[in-house]
């Protein structure tokens, strides 16, 4: 199994079963996880349906491993759209980890590609993000619409800033 996914899975299991923050052994981590910093999202699905997804656009922890650990805990227990994951669900979860590149400002939606780029929309303090290459998101207008909805920005609101980013997706 991919080491990024394994770290997220071990973290979720440890936190749900024991209420403890997972402390990985050095051999469980890649050099990138130990030494680099990046935003990361942990997505959890159960039987193909979203069960939790939380992440950071830019790094807030000391390294990528810590980013994944804390986002895995949040995705499994603090996503406001879902009840916390129960111990009986742990064996049924599909987990992915997306490591984000630094967001780049763009001048228009024409610089987006739903398969390659995620999008961030921003207006004042409101900000919404949608990862790239998501099932059912087949065009840029829909991608931006979802991100605006997540941010509480009306579809017709003017003065919205757009950013794009790429991800390295780690899946089971």
N, C-alpha and C. Protein backbone atom coordinates (compact mmCIF):
# COMPACT_ATOMS: atom_id res chain seq x y z
N UNK A 1 0.85 -1.19 0.00
CA UNK A 1 0.00 0.00 0.00
C UNK A 1 0.89 1.24 0.00
N UNK A 2 0.43 2.26 -0.67
CA UNK A 2 1.12 3.54 -0.72
C UNK A 2 1.40 4.06 0.70
N UNK A 3 2.61 4.54 0.95
CA UNK A 3 2.98 4.97 2.31
C UNK A 3 2.16 6.17 2.80
N UNK A 4 1.74 7.05 1.90
CA UNK A 4 0.93 8.21 2.28
C UNK A 4 -0.45 7.74 2.75
N UNK A 5 -1.02 6.82 2.00
CA UNK A 5 -2.33 6.26 2.36
C UNK A 5 -2.21 5.45 3.65
N UNK A 6 -1.13 4.69 3.76
CA UNK A 6 -0.92 3.88 4.97
C UNK A 6 -0.81 4.77 6.21
N UNK A 7 -0.11 5.90 6.09
CA UNK A 7 0.00 6.83 7.21
C UNK A 7 -1.38 7.36 7.60
N UNK A 8 -2.18 7.74 6.61
CA UNK A 8 -3.53 8.24 6.90
C UNK A 8 -4.39 7.14 7.54
N UNK A 9 -4.32 5.93 7.00
CA UNK A 9 -5.12 4.81 7.52
C UNK A 9 -4.71 4.48 8.95
N UNK A 10 -3.41 4.39 9.21
CA UNK A 10 -2.93 4.09 10.57
C UNK A 10 -3.36 5.18 11.55
N UNK A 11 -3.30 6.42 11.09
CA UNK A 11 -3.69 7.55 11.94
C UNK A 11 -5.17 7.46 12.30
N UNK A 12 -6.00 7.22 11.31
CA UNK A 12 -7.45 7.14 11.54
C UNK A 12 -7.77 5.99 12.49
N UNK A 13 -7.18 4.83 12.24
CA UNK A 13 -7.43 3.68 13.11
C UNK A 13 -7.00 3.93 14.54
N UNK A 14 -5.82 4.49 14.72
CA UNK A 14 -5.30 4.77 16.07
C UNK A 14 -6.19 5.78 16.79
N UNK A 15 -6.60 6.81 16.08
CA UNK A 15 -7.41 7.86 16.72
C UNK A 15 -8.81 7.35 17.06
N UNK A 16 -9.42 6.60 16.15
CA UNK A 16 -10.78 6.10 16.38
C UNK A 16 -10.77 5.02 17.48
N UNK A 17 -9.82 4.11 17.42
CA UNK A 17 -9.78 3.00 18.39
C UNK A 17 -9.28 3.42 19.77
N UNK A 18 -8.24 4.27 19.80
CA UNK A 18 -7.56 4.56 21.06
C UNK A 18 -7.64 6.01 21.51
N UNK A 19 -8.13 6.89 20.64
CA UNK A 19 -8.17 8.31 20.99
C UNK A 19 -6.79 8.94 21.06
N UNK A 20 -5.81 8.30 20.40
CA UNK A 20 -4.43 8.77 20.43
C UNK A 20 -3.99 9.26 19.05
N UNK A 21 -3.06 10.20 19.04
CA UNK A 21 -2.46 10.66 17.78
C UNK A 21 -1.38 9.66 17.39
N UNK A 22 -1.45 9.17 16.17
CA UNK A 22 -0.51 8.17 15.67
C UNK A 22 0.90 8.74 15.59
N UNK A 23 1.85 7.97 16.05
CA UNK A 23 3.27 8.36 16.00
C UNK A 23 4.00 7.34 15.13
N UNK A 24 4.22 7.67 13.86
CA UNK A 24 4.83 6.71 12.94
C UNK A 24 6.31 6.47 13.24
N UNK A 25 6.77 5.28 12.90
CA UNK A 25 8.18 4.96 12.96
C UNK A 25 8.88 5.61 11.76
N UNK A 26 10.15 5.87 11.86
CA UNK A 26 10.90 6.54 10.79
C UNK A 26 10.78 5.78 9.47
N UNK A 27 10.79 4.46 9.51
CA UNK A 27 10.73 3.67 8.26
C UNK A 27 9.35 3.71 7.59
N UNK A 28 8.36 4.23 8.28
CA UNK A 28 7.02 4.36 7.69
C UNK A 28 6.89 5.63 6.86
N UNK A 29 7.89 6.50 6.92
CA UNK A 29 7.81 7.80 6.26
C UNK A 29 8.82 7.92 5.12
N UNK A 30 8.41 8.57 4.05
CA UNK A 30 9.34 8.88 2.98
C UNK A 30 10.16 10.11 3.38
N UNK A 31 11.23 10.35 2.67
CA UNK A 31 12.04 11.56 2.92
C UNK A 31 11.18 12.80 2.72
N UNK A 32 10.32 12.79 1.69
CA UNK A 32 9.45 13.94 1.45
C UNK A 32 8.53 14.19 2.64
N UNK A 33 7.98 13.15 3.22
CA UNK A 33 7.08 13.31 4.36
C UNK A 33 7.80 13.91 5.56
N UNK A 34 9.05 13.54 5.75
CA UNK A 34 9.82 14.04 6.90
C UNK A 34 10.33 15.46 6.70
N UNK A 35 10.71 15.81 5.48
CA UNK A 35 11.46 17.06 5.30
C UNK A 35 10.73 18.16 4.54
N UNK A 36 9.69 17.85 3.79
CA UNK A 36 9.03 18.91 3.02
C UNK A 36 7.75 19.38 3.70
N UNK A 37 7.29 20.52 3.26
CA UNK A 37 6.03 21.09 3.74
C UNK A 37 5.14 21.35 2.54
N UNK A 38 3.87 20.99 2.66
CA UNK A 38 2.92 21.22 1.58
C UNK A 38 1.52 21.10 2.15
N UNK A 39 0.57 21.72 1.48
CA UNK A 39 -0.83 21.49 1.81
C UNK A 39 -1.19 20.07 1.41
N UNK A 40 -2.14 19.49 2.11
CA UNK A 40 -2.55 18.11 1.81
C UNK A 40 -4.00 17.91 2.21
N UNK A 41 -4.69 17.10 1.43
CA UNK A 41 -6.07 16.72 1.73
C UNK A 41 -6.15 15.23 1.93
N UNK A 42 -6.92 14.81 2.91
CA UNK A 42 -7.22 13.41 3.13
C UNK A 42 -8.70 13.23 2.82
N UNK A 43 -8.98 12.35 1.86
CA UNK A 43 -10.36 12.05 1.45
C UNK A 43 -10.69 10.62 1.85
N UNK A 44 -11.87 10.45 2.42
CA UNK A 44 -12.31 9.14 2.89
C UNK A 44 -13.63 8.81 2.20
N UNK A 45 -13.69 7.64 1.59
CA UNK A 45 -14.92 7.15 0.97
C UNK A 45 -15.29 5.82 1.61
N UNK A 46 -16.58 5.55 1.62
CA UNK A 46 -17.09 4.27 2.10
C UNK A 46 -18.10 3.79 1.06
N UNK A 47 -17.84 2.63 0.47
CA UNK A 47 -18.69 2.09 -0.59
C UNK A 47 -18.87 3.11 -1.72
N UNK A 48 -17.81 3.83 -2.06
CA UNK A 48 -17.84 4.78 -3.16
C UNK A 48 -18.43 6.14 -2.83
N UNK A 49 -18.96 6.31 -1.63
CA UNK A 49 -19.57 7.58 -1.22
C UNK A 49 -18.63 8.34 -0.30
N UNK A 50 -18.57 9.66 -0.48
CA UNK A 50 -17.72 10.48 0.37
C UNK A 50 -18.15 10.33 1.82
N UNK A 51 -17.16 10.15 2.69
CA UNK A 51 -17.42 9.99 4.13
C UNK A 51 -16.70 11.04 4.96
N UNK A 52 -15.73 11.74 4.32
CA UNK A 52 -15.01 12.81 4.98
C UNK A 52 -13.89 13.31 4.09
N UNK A 53 -13.65 14.61 4.12
CA UNK A 53 -12.56 15.19 3.35
C UNK A 53 -12.18 16.52 3.98
N UNK A 54 -10.96 16.58 4.49
CA UNK A 54 -10.45 17.79 5.12
C UNK A 54 -9.00 17.94 4.70
N UNK A 55 -8.59 19.19 4.52
CA UNK A 55 -7.19 19.41 4.18
C UNK A 55 -6.78 20.85 4.39
N UNK A 56 -5.56 21.09 4.01
CA UNK A 56 -4.97 22.42 4.12
C UNK A 56 -4.48 22.85 2.75
N UNK A 57 -4.79 24.09 2.40
CA UNK A 57 -4.39 24.63 1.10
C UNK A 57 -2.88 24.87 1.07
N UNK A 58 -2.38 25.38 2.16
CA UNK A 58 -0.95 25.61 2.32
C UNK A 58 -0.53 24.96 3.63
N UNK A 59 0.76 24.65 3.79
CA UNK A 59 1.17 23.93 5.00
C UNK A 59 0.99 24.75 6.27
N UNK A 60 0.57 24.08 7.32
CA UNK A 60 0.45 24.70 8.64
C UNK A 60 1.22 23.92 9.70
N UNK A 61 1.74 22.76 9.35
CA UNK A 61 2.49 21.91 10.28
C UNK A 61 3.97 21.91 9.90
N UNK A 62 4.77 21.27 10.75
CA UNK A 62 6.23 21.31 10.54
C UNK A 62 6.70 20.48 9.35
N UNK A 63 5.91 19.46 8.95
CA UNK A 63 6.28 18.68 7.77
C UNK A 63 5.04 18.01 7.19
N UNK A 64 5.21 17.38 6.04
CA UNK A 64 4.09 16.77 5.34
C UNK A 64 3.48 15.62 6.14
N UNK A 65 4.29 14.85 6.85
CA UNK A 65 3.75 13.76 7.66
C UNK A 65 2.76 14.31 8.69
N UNK A 66 3.12 15.38 9.38
CA UNK A 66 2.22 15.98 10.38
C UNK A 66 0.97 16.53 9.70
N UNK A 67 1.12 17.10 8.52
CA UNK A 67 -0.03 17.61 7.77
C UNK A 67 -1.02 16.48 7.50
N UNK A 68 -0.51 15.34 7.05
CA UNK A 68 -1.37 14.18 6.75
C UNK A 68 -2.01 13.65 8.03
N UNK A 69 -1.25 13.52 9.08
CA UNK A 69 -1.77 12.99 10.35
C UNK A 69 -2.93 13.84 10.86
N UNK A 70 -2.72 15.14 10.96
CA UNK A 70 -3.78 15.99 11.52
C UNK A 70 -4.98 16.12 10.58
N UNK A 71 -4.75 16.09 9.27
CA UNK A 71 -5.87 16.15 8.34
C UNK A 71 -6.64 14.83 8.30
N UNK A 72 -5.96 13.71 8.51
CA UNK A 72 -6.65 12.42 8.58
C UNK A 72 -7.58 12.37 9.80
N UNK A 73 -7.10 12.87 10.91
CA UNK A 73 -7.95 12.93 12.12
C UNK A 73 -9.16 13.82 11.85
N UNK A 74 -8.93 14.99 11.28
CA UNK A 74 -10.03 15.91 11.01
C UNK A 74 -11.02 15.33 10.00
N UNK A 75 -10.53 14.71 8.94
CA UNK A 75 -11.41 14.14 7.92
C UNK A 75 -12.28 13.03 8.49
N UNK A 76 -11.75 12.28 9.44
CA UNK A 76 -12.50 11.15 10.00
C UNK A 76 -13.41 11.53 11.17
N UNK A 77 -13.16 12.67 11.80
CA UNK A 77 -13.94 13.00 13.00
C UNK A 77 -14.53 14.40 13.02
N UNK A 78 -14.07 15.30 12.14
CA UNK A 78 -14.49 16.70 12.26
C UNK A 78 -15.06 17.31 10.99
N UNK A 79 -15.27 16.51 9.96
CA UNK A 79 -15.90 17.06 8.75
C UNK A 79 -17.35 17.37 9.12
N UNK A 80 -17.76 18.65 9.07
CA UNK A 80 -19.09 19.01 9.54
C UNK A 80 -20.24 18.42 8.72
N UNK A 81 -19.94 17.87 7.57
CA UNK A 81 -20.98 17.28 6.72
C UNK A 81 -21.37 15.87 7.15
N UNK A 82 -20.54 15.26 8.02
CA UNK A 82 -20.73 13.85 8.36
C UNK A 82 -20.57 13.61 9.85
N UNK A 83 -21.17 12.52 10.32
CA UNK A 83 -20.93 12.06 11.68
C UNK A 83 -19.50 11.51 11.74
N UNK A 84 -18.86 11.55 12.90
CA UNK A 84 -17.53 10.94 13.02
C UNK A 84 -17.56 9.47 12.63
N UNK A 85 -16.48 9.01 12.05
CA UNK A 85 -16.36 7.61 11.65
C UNK A 85 -16.30 6.74 12.90
N UNK A 86 -17.03 5.62 12.85
CA UNK A 86 -17.04 4.68 13.97
C UNK A 86 -16.07 3.54 13.74
N UNK A 87 -15.67 2.91 14.81
CA UNK A 87 -14.70 1.81 14.73
C UNK A 87 -15.18 0.70 13.80
N UNK A 88 -16.49 0.45 13.78
CA UNK A 88 -17.04 -0.61 12.93
C UNK A 88 -16.90 -0.32 11.44
N UNK A 89 -16.59 0.93 11.07
CA UNK A 89 -16.45 1.32 9.67
C UNK A 89 -15.02 1.21 9.15
N UNK A 90 -14.05 1.08 10.02
CA UNK A 90 -12.65 1.22 9.64
C UNK A 90 -12.23 0.30 8.49
N UNK A 91 -12.71 -0.93 8.46
CA UNK A 91 -12.33 -1.87 7.41
C UNK A 91 -13.01 -1.60 6.07
N UNK A 92 -13.97 -0.68 6.05
CA UNK A 92 -14.73 -0.40 4.84
C UNK A 92 -14.29 0.88 4.13
N UNK A 93 -13.27 1.54 4.64
CA UNK A 93 -12.89 2.86 4.14
C UNK A 93 -11.89 2.79 2.99
N UNK A 94 -12.12 3.63 1.99
CA UNK A 94 -11.14 3.86 0.93
C UNK A 94 -10.56 5.24 1.20
N UNK A 95 -9.25 5.35 1.22
CA UNK A 95 -8.59 6.59 1.62
C UNK A 95 -7.65 7.05 0.51
N UNK A 96 -7.66 8.35 0.25
CA UNK A 96 -6.67 8.93 -0.66
C UNK A 96 -6.07 10.17 0.00
N UNK A 97 -4.84 10.46 -0.39
CA UNK A 97 -4.12 11.63 0.11
C UNK A 97 -3.67 12.43 -1.10
N UNK A 98 -4.05 13.70 -1.15
CA UNK A 98 -3.62 14.61 -2.21
C UNK A 98 -2.64 15.61 -1.64
N UNK A 99 -1.44 15.65 -2.21
CA UNK A 99 -0.44 16.63 -1.83
C UNK A 99 -0.49 17.75 -2.86
N UNK A 100 -0.70 18.98 -2.38
CA UNK A 100 -0.94 20.13 -3.26
C UNK A 100 0.35 20.87 -3.61
N UNK A 101 0.40 21.36 -4.85
CA UNK A 101 1.44 22.30 -5.22
C UNK A 101 1.02 23.68 -4.72
N UNK A 102 1.93 24.62 -4.74
CA UNK A 102 1.61 25.99 -4.32
C UNK A 102 0.57 26.58 -5.27
N UNK A 103 -0.54 27.13 -4.75
CA UNK A 103 -1.56 27.73 -5.62
C UNK A 103 -1.00 28.91 -6.42
N UNK A 104 -1.43 28.99 -7.69
CA UNK A 104 -1.02 30.08 -8.58
C UNK A 104 -2.24 30.91 -8.93
N UNK A 105 -2.14 32.25 -8.82
CA UNK A 105 -3.27 33.07 -9.25
C UNK A 105 -3.44 32.98 -10.76
N UNK A 106 -4.68 32.97 -11.21
CA UNK A 106 -4.98 32.96 -12.64
C UNK A 106 -5.97 34.07 -12.95
N UNK A 107 -5.99 34.48 -14.21
CA UNK A 107 -6.83 35.62 -14.58
C UNK A 107 -8.21 35.21 -15.07
N UNK A 108 -8.39 33.95 -15.46
CA UNK A 108 -9.71 33.53 -15.92
C UNK A 108 -9.85 32.01 -15.86
N UNK A 109 -11.07 31.56 -16.01
CA UNK A 109 -11.36 30.13 -15.99
C UNK A 109 -10.73 29.40 -17.17
N UNK A 110 -10.35 30.12 -18.22
CA UNK A 110 -9.74 29.48 -19.39
C UNK A 110 -8.39 28.85 -19.05
N UNK A 111 -7.81 29.22 -17.92
CA UNK A 111 -6.53 28.66 -17.50
C UNK A 111 -6.70 27.41 -16.63
N UNK A 112 -7.92 26.92 -16.54
CA UNK A 112 -8.21 25.72 -15.75
C UNK A 112 -8.45 24.51 -16.64
N UNK A 113 -8.23 23.35 -16.11
CA UNK A 113 -8.54 22.07 -16.73
C UNK A 113 -8.96 21.17 -15.58
N UNK A 114 -10.21 20.70 -15.56
CA UNK A 114 -10.74 19.97 -14.40
C UNK A 114 -9.98 18.70 -14.09
N UNK A 115 -9.34 18.11 -15.07
CA UNK A 115 -8.58 16.88 -14.83
C UNK A 115 -7.21 17.18 -14.22
N UNK A 116 -6.61 18.30 -14.62
CA UNK A 116 -5.25 18.61 -14.19
C UNK A 116 -5.18 19.52 -12.96
N UNK A 117 -6.06 20.52 -12.91
CA UNK A 117 -5.97 21.54 -11.86
C UNK A 117 -7.15 21.52 -10.90
N UNK A 118 -6.85 21.71 -9.63
CA UNK A 118 -7.87 22.06 -8.66
C UNK A 118 -8.04 23.56 -8.71
N UNK A 119 -9.12 24.04 -8.09
CA UNK A 119 -9.40 25.47 -8.12
C UNK A 119 -9.67 25.99 -6.70
N UNK A 120 -9.22 27.20 -6.46
CA UNK A 120 -9.54 27.93 -5.24
C UNK A 120 -10.23 29.21 -5.68
N UNK A 121 -11.37 29.50 -5.08
CA UNK A 121 -12.06 30.77 -5.31
C UNK A 121 -11.99 31.56 -4.02
N UNK A 122 -11.83 32.87 -4.17
CA UNK A 122 -11.65 33.70 -2.97
C UNK A 122 -12.29 35.06 -3.19
N UNK A 123 -13.02 35.49 -2.19
CA UNK A 123 -13.59 36.83 -2.17
C UNK A 123 -13.59 37.27 -0.71
N UNK A 124 -12.72 38.25 -0.41
CA UNK A 124 -12.59 38.68 0.98
C UNK A 124 -12.09 37.54 1.83
N UNK A 125 -12.77 37.27 2.92
CA UNK A 125 -12.37 36.19 3.82
C UNK A 125 -12.97 34.83 3.42
N UNK A 126 -13.83 34.83 2.41
CA UNK A 126 -14.47 33.57 1.98
C UNK A 126 -13.59 32.87 0.94
N UNK A 127 -13.38 31.58 1.16
CA UNK A 127 -12.51 30.83 0.27
C UNK A 127 -13.02 29.40 0.15
N UNK A 128 -13.07 28.92 -1.07
CA UNK A 128 -13.51 27.55 -1.32
C UNK A 128 -12.54 26.86 -2.26
N UNK A 129 -12.42 25.56 -2.09
CA UNK A 129 -11.47 24.77 -2.88
C UNK A 129 -12.16 23.54 -3.41
N UNK A 130 -11.79 23.14 -4.62
CA UNK A 130 -12.22 21.86 -5.16
C UNK A 130 -11.01 21.19 -5.79
N UNK A 131 -10.79 19.94 -5.39
CA UNK A 131 -9.67 19.17 -5.92
C UNK A 131 -9.88 18.85 -7.40
N UNK A 132 -8.82 18.54 -8.13
CA UNK A 132 -8.97 18.18 -9.54
C UNK A 132 -9.41 16.73 -9.71
N UNK A 133 -9.86 16.44 -10.92
CA UNK A 133 -10.13 15.07 -11.36
C UNK A 133 -11.07 14.32 -10.44
N UNK A 134 -12.21 14.98 -10.14
CA UNK A 134 -13.23 14.36 -9.30
C UNK A 134 -14.34 13.79 -10.17
N UNK A 135 -14.83 12.63 -9.79
CA UNK A 135 -15.92 12.00 -10.51
C UNK A 135 -17.14 12.92 -10.53
N UNK A 136 -17.72 13.09 -11.71
CA UNK A 136 -18.92 13.91 -11.86
C UNK A 136 -18.64 15.38 -12.12
N UNK A 137 -17.40 15.80 -12.00
CA UNK A 137 -17.03 17.20 -12.29
C UNK A 137 -16.32 17.18 -13.64
N UNK A 138 -17.10 17.49 -14.69
CA UNK A 138 -16.61 17.31 -16.05
C UNK A 138 -16.30 18.59 -16.80
N UNK A 139 -16.60 19.74 -16.19
CA UNK A 139 -16.26 20.99 -16.88
C UNK A 139 -15.89 22.07 -15.87
N UNK A 140 -15.16 23.05 -16.37
CA UNK A 140 -14.60 24.11 -15.52
C UNK A 140 -15.71 24.92 -14.84
N UNK A 141 -16.75 25.25 -15.57
CA UNK A 141 -17.83 26.07 -14.99
C UNK A 141 -18.42 25.37 -13.77
N UNK A 142 -18.63 24.07 -13.85
CA UNK A 142 -19.19 23.32 -12.73
C UNK A 142 -18.19 23.26 -11.58
N UNK A 143 -16.91 23.06 -11.90
CA UNK A 143 -15.86 23.03 -10.88
C UNK A 143 -15.84 24.34 -10.09
N UNK A 144 -15.86 25.46 -10.79
CA UNK A 144 -15.83 26.78 -10.14
C UNK A 144 -17.13 27.00 -9.35
N UNK A 145 -18.25 26.58 -9.90
CA UNK A 145 -19.55 26.72 -9.23
C UNK A 145 -19.54 25.99 -7.88
N UNK A 146 -19.03 24.78 -7.84
CA UNK A 146 -18.97 24.02 -6.60
C UNK A 146 -18.06 24.72 -5.59
N UNK A 147 -16.90 25.18 -6.06
CA UNK A 147 -15.96 25.86 -5.15
C UNK A 147 -16.59 27.13 -4.60
N UNK A 148 -17.32 27.88 -5.43
CA UNK A 148 -18.00 29.09 -4.96
C UNK A 148 -19.05 28.74 -3.91
N UNK A 149 -19.82 27.71 -4.16
CA UNK A 149 -20.84 27.28 -3.21
C UNK A 149 -20.22 26.93 -1.87
N UNK A 150 -19.09 26.21 -1.90
CA UNK A 150 -18.40 25.84 -0.67
C UNK A 150 -17.92 27.07 0.09
N UNK A 151 -17.59 28.14 -0.65
CA UNK A 151 -17.09 29.37 -0.02
C UNK A 151 -18.21 30.31 0.41
N UNK A 152 -19.44 30.01 0.01
CA UNK A 152 -20.54 30.93 0.29
C UNK A 152 -20.52 32.14 -0.62
N UNK A 153 -19.99 31.96 -1.82
CA UNK A 153 -19.94 33.04 -2.82
C UNK A 153 -21.04 32.77 -3.85
N UNK A 154 -21.87 33.78 -4.10
CA UNK A 154 -22.94 33.63 -5.09
C UNK A 154 -22.34 33.42 -6.48
N UNK A 155 -23.05 32.68 -7.29
CA UNK A 155 -22.62 32.37 -8.66
C UNK A 155 -22.33 33.64 -9.48
N UNK A 156 -23.13 34.68 -9.29
CA UNK A 156 -22.99 35.90 -10.10
C UNK A 156 -22.15 36.99 -9.43
N UNK A 157 -21.54 36.68 -8.31
CA UNK A 157 -20.76 37.68 -7.57
C UNK A 157 -19.51 38.07 -8.36
N UNK A 158 -19.23 39.34 -8.39
CA UNK A 158 -18.07 39.86 -9.13
C UNK A 158 -16.86 39.98 -8.20
N UNK A 159 -15.68 40.14 -8.80
CA UNK A 159 -14.46 40.37 -8.03
C UNK A 159 -13.93 39.14 -7.32
N UNK A 160 -14.23 37.96 -7.84
CA UNK A 160 -13.75 36.72 -7.25
C UNK A 160 -12.36 36.41 -7.79
N UNK A 161 -11.43 36.12 -6.91
CA UNK A 161 -10.07 35.74 -7.31
C UNK A 161 -10.02 34.23 -7.52
N UNK A 162 -9.31 33.82 -8.56
CA UNK A 162 -9.15 32.40 -8.88
C UNK A 162 -7.69 31.99 -8.74
N UNK A 163 -7.49 30.79 -8.25
CA UNK A 163 -6.16 30.19 -8.15
C UNK A 163 -6.28 28.76 -8.65
N UNK A 164 -5.20 28.25 -9.20
CA UNK A 164 -5.17 26.84 -9.59
C UNK A 164 -3.98 26.17 -8.91
N UNK A 165 -4.09 24.86 -8.78
CA UNK A 165 -3.02 24.07 -8.20
C UNK A 165 -3.11 22.66 -8.78
N UNK A 166 -2.02 21.94 -8.68
CA UNK A 166 -2.00 20.54 -9.08
C UNK A 166 -1.84 19.69 -7.82
N UNK A 167 -2.10 18.41 -7.95
CA UNK A 167 -1.93 17.51 -6.82
C UNK A 167 -1.16 16.27 -7.26
N UNK A 168 -0.51 15.68 -6.30
CA UNK A 168 0.00 14.32 -6.46
C UNK A 168 -0.94 13.48 -5.61
N UNK A 169 -1.70 12.64 -6.28
CA UNK A 169 -2.73 11.84 -5.60
C UNK A 169 -2.16 10.47 -5.22
N UNK A 170 -2.32 10.13 -3.98
CA UNK A 170 -1.91 8.83 -3.45
C UNK A 170 -3.18 8.06 -3.11
N UNK A 171 -3.34 6.89 -3.72
CA UNK A 171 -4.54 6.08 -3.48
C UNK A 171 -4.13 4.66 -3.09
N UNK A 172 -5.09 3.94 -2.57
CA UNK A 172 -4.85 2.56 -2.13
C UNK A 172 -4.47 1.68 -3.29
